[in-house]
Protein backbone atom coordinates (compact mmCIF):
# COMPACT_ATOMS: atom_id res chain seq x y z
CA MET A 1 -15.98 22.94 26.26
CA ASN A 2 -13.26 20.53 26.18
CA ASN A 3 -13.67 17.09 26.79
CA PHE A 4 -12.57 16.38 30.03
CA THR A 5 -14.88 19.08 31.00
CA LYS A 6 -18.26 16.77 29.34
CA ALA A 7 -16.41 14.01 30.92
CA LEU A 8 -16.97 15.37 34.32
CA ILE A 9 -20.53 17.69 34.04
CA GLY A 10 -21.13 14.13 32.95
CA THR A 11 -19.87 12.53 35.36
CA THR A 12 -21.51 14.51 38.04
CA LEU A 13 -24.69 14.47 36.63
CA ALA A 14 -24.85 10.29 37.03
CA ILE A 15 -24.08 11.45 40.50
CA GLY A 16 -26.57 13.62 41.53
CA SER A 17 -28.58 11.02 39.59
CA LEU A 18 -27.45 7.73 41.53
CA PHE A 19 -28.17 9.14 45.49
CA GLY A 20 -30.03 12.24 45.05
CA THR A 21 -29.13 13.84 47.37
CA VAL A 22 -26.09 13.72 49.84
CA GLN A 23 -26.53 12.61 53.00
CA SER A 24 -24.75 12.64 56.61
CA ALA A 25 -22.48 9.60 56.81
CA GLU A 26 -20.77 8.00 60.00
CA ALA A 27 -18.11 7.20 57.54
CA ALA A 28 -16.51 7.36 53.94
CA GLN A 29 -19.17 6.18 51.30
CA CYS A 30 -18.11 5.42 47.15
CA VAL A 31 -19.88 5.66 44.74
CA TYR A 32 -18.63 3.38 41.57
CA GLY A 33 -19.53 4.46 37.66
CA ASN A 34 -18.86 3.76 34.41
CA GLY A 35 -14.89 4.86 34.44
CA TYR A 36 -15.15 7.12 37.60
CA LYS A 37 -15.13 6.96 41.60
CA LEU A 38 -16.65 9.43 44.35
CA CYS A 39 -16.04 9.13 47.47
CA PHE A 40 -17.01 11.58 49.74
CA GLU A 41 -17.14 11.49 54.05
CA GLU A 42 -18.58 14.70 56.52
CA ILE A 43 -15.69 15.33 58.57
CA GLY A 44 -17.79 18.62 60.41
CA TYR A 45 -20.82 20.16 60.42
CA ASN A 46 -21.61 19.92 56.01
CA LYS A 47 -17.54 19.41 55.70
CA TRP A 48 -16.58 17.37 52.90
CA ASN A 49 -13.98 15.54 51.99
CA VAL A 50 -14.47 14.70 48.71
CA GLY A 51 -12.59 12.81 46.54
CA ILE A 52 -13.65 12.20 43.05
CA THR A 53 -11.08 10.37 40.38
CA ASN A 54 -12.28 8.67 36.66
CA ASN A 55 -10.61 8.13 33.73
CA HIS A 56 -8.17 11.22 33.46
CA THR A 57 -8.00 12.39 36.79
CA THR A 58 -7.20 12.21 40.14
CA GLU A 59 -9.03 14.88 43.32
CA ILE A 60 -9.79 15.87 46.86
CA MET A 61 -11.48 18.40 48.01
CA THR A 62 -11.81 19.81 51.21
CA VAL A 63 -15.72 22.16 50.67
CA GLN A 64 -17.15 23.50 53.45
CA CYS A 65 -21.08 23.41 52.75
CA ASP A 66 -23.50 27.04 53.59
CA GLY A 67 -27.32 24.67 53.36
CA LYS A 68 -27.15 24.02 49.26
CA TYR A 69 -24.81 26.54 48.32
CA VAL A 70 -20.68 27.03 48.17
CA ASP A 71 -18.87 29.07 51.98
CA THR A 72 -15.28 27.35 50.87
CA TRP A 73 -12.96 24.79 49.21
CA ARG A 74 -9.71 23.64 48.87
CA SER A 75 -8.00 21.68 46.71
CA ARG A 76 -5.12 19.73 45.01
CA GLY A 77 -4.82 17.04 42.37
CA GLY A 78 -5.71 17.80 38.03
CA LEU A 79 -8.64 19.77 37.74
CA ASN A 80 -8.07 23.30 36.76
CA GLN A 81 -9.62 25.93 39.29
CA SER A 82 -13.07 26.09 36.88
CA GLU A 83 -13.04 22.38 37.48
CA ALA A 84 -12.66 22.10 40.40
CA SER A 85 -15.12 24.89 41.47
CA TYR A 86 -18.02 23.99 39.63
CA LEU A 87 -17.58 20.47 41.71
CA ALA A 88 -17.64 22.15 44.30
CA ARG A 89 -20.78 23.96 43.85
CA TYR A 90 -22.17 20.86 42.08
CA PHE A 91 -21.72 18.89 45.20
CA CYS A 92 -22.91 21.07 47.66
CA SER A 93 -26.43 21.35 45.60
CA LEU A 94 -26.46 17.70 46.08
């Protein structure tokens, strides 16, 4: 596991501990931590725009959750396929 993946996992674990569960949002909400910013906005029924910026990259995603699981996701940014998939799965699991 490279340092970037470790940083991404650490960031998402910290995010989960900061707000526990993802709530419906009327406007974009952002969480700031040591070296990262995560913003998310519900754009439809359990469909989210998710953006994460850390010391290594920026990623913008559209994630459709089905309960606590990912239905579909699309992304653009600096994450590879595996890292983006992990982030989408983790986001829906919150």
